[in-house]
Amino acid sequence: MVLTEFQKKVLEVSSKTKGPAGYAAKSSIQHLHRAFELADSMPEISAFLAITAEEEASTALFQALKNKKYTASKALKKNVHKHKAGVYPFLMLVGETLNILKHELPIEITFEIPSDENNELIKTRMFIGGVNGIDTYIYPDPPLNLVSVDPSGKAKDYLRDVKKVAQDKGISSIFGHIKEVANIRNKMLYASDTAIPCVRSIGELLERHLGATFLIHIIYLFVVQNPKQNIVEECLNVFMKIQHRLEHAET
C-alpha cells in the first residue's frame, strides 16, 4: 500500500501532537508502519497490527475529546473494545448523513492554508470560483463548522439527520463490524479444530483497517487543533447513545 502525500502529511502532523493523546497517535502510526513491513512475511501479525493501529487512533481521538472537555466524552473508555471498534463505522455513518463521502458538498480537506506557512493545520475548504486562473476558496472556521441547506433553503438539521440514520442503520452496522473484527482477531490468534491461524487476503484487510486508521487520524486532528465544535458534540452524543444500545443488545 503506497501512501499519498496527503496521508503522509496526516501522519507527520499527528505524530507531533502531545500528551496522552499524542502518545496514542504515535503508537497507532508505529503499528501502521509495522503492519506494512510484515504484510508479506507475517500476514497474521500484520493484520493484528493493522487492527491495533485503528484502535490506537481511536484512543487518541477519545483522549482529545476528553481534553477539549466535550460533555459526553466522560463516558468514553479506551479499554472497552466496543467503543474503539465502533468509531470507524460510526464515522462512515456520519459521512453518509452529511453527504460528504458522496461528494454532494463541495468540501475538500487540506493542509494548504494561506495563513499557515508550515502547512500543519488541517482545514476544510469549499471552492467558490476562479478568476484569471486563480481558484478562490472559503475556509470554515472552525473547520467542522459546516453550513448547508436543504432543497427548500432551510438550514439542515444535522443532529436530526445523524440520529435518524443511526436509528435506521447504525446499530446493526456497528454491531456487525465489532463482531467481525473480534472474529478476525480470534482467527489470527487461535487455531481452529482443523487448522492453524492463517490470513489469506492480507491486502484487502490492510486496506480496510489502514483506511480506517487514516480517517480517524484526520478527525483526531480536527478535534485536537480546534476549540469545541457543535457538530462534534452532537455526533459524540449520538455515538454514546448507540454504544448504550449496543450494551443492552448484548444482555
Protein backbone atom coordinates (compact mmCIF):
# COMPACT_ATOMS: atom_id res chain seq x y z
CA MET A 1 0.00 0.00 0.00
CA VAL A 2 1.58 3.26 -1.16
CA LEU A 3 0.79 6.34 0.89
CA THR A 4 -0.36 9.52 -0.82
CA GLU A 5 1.31 12.83 0.02
CA PHE A 6 -1.79 13.83 1.95
CA GLN A 7 -1.71 10.62 4.01
CA LYS A 8 1.97 11.16 4.76
CA LYS A 9 1.16 14.69 5.93
CA VAL A 10 -1.63 13.45 8.18
CA LEU A 11 0.75 11.03 9.90
CA GLU A 12 3.52 13.62 10.13
CA VAL A 13 1.30 16.21 11.81
CA SER A 14 -0.45 13.66 14.01
CA SER A 15 2.91 12.34 15.23
CA LYS A 16 3.78 15.82 16.54
CA THR A 17 0.80 16.08 18.88
CA LYS A 18 1.49 16.00 22.61
CA GLY A 19 0.31 14.40 25.82
CA PRO A 20 -1.55 11.10 26.28
CA ALA A 21 -3.44 11.65 23.02
CA GLY A 22 -0.16 12.25 21.22
CA TYR A 23 1.37 9.05 22.56
CA ALA A 24 -1.64 7.04 21.40
CA ALA A 25 -1.37 8.70 17.97
CA LYS A 26 2.33 7.83 17.77
CA SER A 27 1.60 4.25 18.82
CA SER A 28 -1.03 3.99 16.10
CA ILE A 29 1.43 5.23 13.49
CA GLN A 30 4.11 2.79 14.68
CA HIS A 31 1.69 -0.14 14.39
CA LEU A 32 0.64 1.07 10.95
CA HIS A 33 4.20 1.12 9.62
CA ARG A 34 4.94 -2.29 11.09
CA ALA A 35 1.78 -3.69 9.53
CA PHE A 36 3.14 -2.61 6.14
CA GLU A 37 6.55 -4.10 6.82
CA LEU A 38 5.25 -7.53 7.87
CA ALA A 39 2.48 -7.92 5.29
CA ASP A 40 4.38 -10.40 3.13
CA SER A 41 6.45 -12.27 5.70
CA MET A 42 3.96 -12.47 8.59
CA PRO A 43 0.46 -11.66 7.34
CA GLU A 44 -1.29 -12.74 10.56
CA ILE A 45 0.85 -10.37 12.64
CA SER A 46 0.43 -7.66 10.01
CA ALA A 47 -3.34 -7.94 10.22
CA PHE A 48 -3.27 -7.82 14.01
CA LEU A 49 -1.08 -4.69 13.90
CA ALA A 50 -3.44 -3.03 11.41
CA ILE A 51 -6.40 -3.57 13.72
CA THR A 52 -4.36 -2.28 16.65
CA ALA A 53 -3.34 0.81 14.65
CA GLU A 54 -7.03 1.61 14.16
CA GLU A 55 -7.79 1.10 17.84
CA GLU A 56 -4.88 3.28 18.98
CA ALA A 57 -6.08 6.03 16.64
CA SER A 58 -9.48 5.77 18.35
CA THR A 59 -7.76 6.03 21.73
CA ALA A 60 -6.03 9.23 20.60
CA LEU A 61 -9.37 10.64 19.47
CA PHE A 62 -11.03 9.73 22.78
CA GLN A 63 -8.30 11.48 24.74
CA ALA A 64 -8.51 14.58 22.53
CA LEU A 65 -12.27 14.76 23.10
CA LYS A 66 -11.71 14.50 26.84
CA ASN A 67 -9.00 17.18 26.74
CA LYS A 68 -11.40 19.54 24.95
CA LYS A 69 -14.00 18.71 27.61
CA TYR A 70 -16.73 17.52 25.29
CA THR A 71 -19.58 16.64 27.63
CA ALA A 72 -20.23 13.05 26.54
CA SER A 73 -16.50 12.24 26.38
CA LYS A 74 -16.58 11.34 30.06
CA ALA A 75 -18.28 8.08 29.10
CA LEU A 76 -15.66 7.09 26.51
CA LYS A 77 -13.49 4.20 27.66
CA LYS A 78 -10.26 3.44 25.85
CA ASN A 79 -10.13 -0.08 27.28
CA VAL A 80 -13.60 -1.03 26.05
CA HIS A 81 -13.31 -2.75 22.68
CA LYS A 82 -16.86 -1.83 21.61
CA HIS A 83 -16.03 1.87 21.93
CA LYS A 84 -12.82 1.74 19.89
CA ALA A 85 -14.06 -0.65 17.21
CA GLY A 86 -17.24 1.38 16.80
CA VAL A 87 -15.52 4.63 15.80
CA TYR A 88 -14.84 3.90 12.12
CA PRO A 89 -18.29 2.54 11.19
CA PHE A 90 -19.85 5.48 13.05
CA LEU A 91 -17.71 7.98 11.13
CA MET A 92 -18.80 6.33 7.89
CA LEU A 93 -22.37 6.64 9.10
CA VAL A 94 -21.88 10.34 9.81
CA GLY A 95 -20.20 10.83 6.45
CA GLU A 96 -23.23 9.31 4.76
CA THR A 97 -25.52 11.53 6.77
CA LEU A 98 -23.64 14.69 5.88
CA ASN A 99 -23.22 13.55 2.27
CA ILE A 100 -19.50 14.33 2.47
CA LEU A 101 -18.44 10.87 1.36
CA LYS A 102 -20.78 11.10 -1.62
CA HIS A 103 -19.16 14.40 -2.65
CA GLU A 104 -22.54 16.12 -2.69
CA LEU A 105 -20.97 19.02 -0.82
CA PRO A 106 -18.03 20.83 -2.43
CA ILE A 107 -15.83 20.18 0.59
CA GLU A 108 -12.13 19.40 0.49
CA ILE A 109 -9.84 18.52 3.39
CA THR A 110 -6.48 20.22 3.07
CA PHE A 111 -3.31 21.42 4.77
CA GLU A 112 -2.89 24.18 2.18
CA ILE A 113 -3.97 27.20 4.20
CA PRO A 114 -2.86 30.71 3.12
CA SER A 115 -2.33 31.81 6.73
CA ASP A 116 -0.32 28.71 7.72
CA GLU A 117 3.22 28.83 6.36
CA ASN A 118 4.12 25.44 7.87
CA ASN A 119 1.06 23.70 6.41
CA GLU A 120 0.38 21.85 9.66
CA LEU A 121 -3.22 22.93 10.27
CA ILE A 122 -5.85 20.67 8.78
CA LYS A 123 -8.86 22.53 7.43
CA THR A 124 -11.91 22.14 5.25
CA ARG A 125 -12.42 24.41 2.28
CA MET A 126 -15.05 24.96 -0.38
CA PHE A 127 -14.31 26.06 -3.91
CA ILE A 128 -16.44 29.05 -4.91
CA GLY A 129 -14.92 30.01 -8.25
CA GLY A 130 -11.87 31.07 -10.16
CA VAL A 131 -10.70 34.27 -11.85
CA ASN A 132 -7.73 34.54 -14.21
CA GLY A 133 -6.57 31.06 -13.30
CA ILE A 134 -6.70 31.72 -9.55
CA ASP A 135 -9.02 29.50 -7.53
CA THR A 136 -10.97 31.03 -4.67
CA TYR A 137 -11.98 29.07 -1.57
CA ILE A 138 -13.78 29.74 1.68
CA TYR A 139 -12.40 28.13 4.83
CA PRO A 140 -14.95 27.37 7.59
CA ASP A 141 -13.56 28.26 11.00
CA PRO A 142 -13.61 26.02 12.91
CA PRO A 143 -13.25 23.52 10.06
CA LEU A 144 -16.19 21.33 11.03
CA ASN A 145 -18.47 24.36 11.29
CA LEU A 146 -20.19 23.19 8.12
CA VAL A 147 -23.24 25.06 6.88
CA SER A 148 -25.63 23.71 4.29
CA VAL A 149 -29.27 23.98 3.36
CA ASP A 150 -31.92 21.52 2.31
CA PRO A 151 -33.73 21.78 -1.05
CA SER A 152 -36.21 24.27 0.44
CA GLY A 153 -33.42 26.61 1.53
CA LYS A 154 -33.72 25.85 5.23
CA ALA A 155 -30.63 25.12 7.30
CA LYS A 156 -30.07 21.38 7.58
CA ASP A 157 -30.64 19.83 10.96
CA TYR A 158 -27.57 17.60 11.06
CA LEU A 159 -28.31 16.35 14.55
CA ARG A 160 -31.73 15.11 13.49
CA ASP A 161 -30.30 13.51 10.35
CA VAL A 162 -27.47 11.77 12.21
CA LYS A 163 -29.92 10.43 14.76
CA LYS A 164 -32.24 9.16 12.04
CA VAL A 165 -29.51 7.31 10.15
CA ALA A 166 -28.13 5.93 13.40
CA GLN A 167 -31.53 4.64 14.40
CA ASP A 168 -32.27 3.20 10.95
CA LYS A 169 -28.86 1.68 10.16
CA GLY A 170 -26.29 2.36 12.81
CA ILE A 171 -26.95 -0.24 15.42
CA SER A 172 -26.83 -3.25 13.14
CA SER A 173 -23.88 -2.00 11.06
CA ILE A 174 -21.73 -1.06 14.04
CA PHE A 175 -22.63 -4.19 15.97
CA GLY A 176 -21.86 -6.29 12.91
CA HIS A 177 -18.49 -4.59 12.42
CA ILE A 178 -17.45 -5.15 16.03
CA LYS A 179 -18.36 -8.83 15.79
CA GLU A 180 -16.44 -9.10 12.51
CA VAL A 181 -13.29 -7.55 13.98
CA ALA A 182 -13.47 -9.81 17.02
CA ASN A 183 -13.83 -12.83 14.75
CA ILE A 184 -10.81 -11.79 12.67
CA ARG A 185 -8.75 -11.39 15.84
CA ASN A 186 -9.71 -14.85 17.03
CA LYS A 187 -8.83 -16.42 13.69
CA MET A 188 -5.41 -14.77 13.75
CA LEU A 189 -4.60 -15.69 17.33
CA TYR A 190 -6.04 -19.15 17.82
CA ALA A 191 -6.02 -22.42 15.93
CA SER A 192 -9.34 -23.90 14.87
CA ASP A 193 -10.16 -27.59 15.24
CA THR A 194 -8.74 -28.25 11.78
CA ALA A 195 -6.09 -25.59 11.00
CA ILE A 196 -3.53 -23.16 12.37
CA PRO A 197 -4.15 -19.37 12.09
CA CYS A 198 -3.99 -18.10 8.51
CA VAL A 199 -4.75 -14.79 6.77
CA ARG A 200 -5.35 -15.31 3.05
CA SER A 201 -6.30 -11.79 1.91
CA ILE A 202 -3.88 -9.54 3.79
CA GLY A 203 -4.03 -6.81 1.13
CA GLU A 204 -7.78 -6.41 1.46
CA LEU A 205 -7.65 -6.48 5.24
CA LEU A 206 -4.85 -3.91 5.37
CA GLU A 207 -6.69 -1.59 3.01
CA ARG A 208 -9.77 -1.74 5.22
CA HIS A 209 -8.12 -1.16 8.60
CA LEU A 210 -5.43 1.25 7.50
CA GLY A 211 -8.01 3.28 5.61
CA ALA A 212 -9.98 3.45 8.84
CA THR A 213 -6.85 4.47 10.73
CA PHE A 214 -6.21 7.42 8.41
CA LEU A 215 -9.80 8.62 8.68
CA ILE A 216 -9.68 8.53 12.48
CA HIS A 217 -6.36 10.42 12.49
CA ILE A 218 -7.96 13.12 10.33
CA ILE A 219 -10.88 13.52 12.75
CA TYR A 220 -8.40 13.46 15.64
CA LEU A 221 -6.56 16.43 14.13
CA PHE A 222 -9.83 18.28 13.55
CA VAL A 223 -10.54 17.88 17.27
CA VAL A 224 -7.10 18.45 18.75
CA GLN A 225 -6.31 21.56 16.68
CA ASN A 226 -9.56 23.42 17.35
CA PRO A 227 -11.86 24.62 20.13
CA LYS A 228 -15.09 22.74 20.78
CA GLN A 229 -17.29 22.37 17.70
CA ASN A 230 -21.04 21.87 17.91
CA ILE A 231 -21.24 19.16 15.28
CA VAL A 232 -18.58 17.13 17.13
CA GLU A 233 -20.58 17.43 20.35
CA GLU A 234 -23.76 16.37 18.56
CA CYS A 235 -22.16 13.37 16.89
CA LEU A 236 -20.47 12.27 20.10
CA ASN A 237 -23.83 12.30 21.86
CA VAL A 238 -25.29 10.05 19.16
CA PHE A 239 -22.25 7.74 19.31
CA MET A 240 -22.69 7.22 23.03
CA LYS A 241 -26.40 6.52 22.61
CA ILE A 242 -25.51 3.84 20.06
CA GLN A 243 -22.97 2.36 22.47
CA HIS A 244 -25.60 2.30 25.19
CA ARG A 245 -27.98 0.42 22.91
CA LEU A 246 -25.21 -2.00 21.94
CA GLU A 247 -24.66 -2.84 25.59
CA HIS A 248 -28.34 -3.60 26.03
CA ALA A 249 -28.40 -5.65 22.83
CA GLU A 250 -25.74 -7.95 24.27
CA THR A 251 -27.55 -8.58 27.54
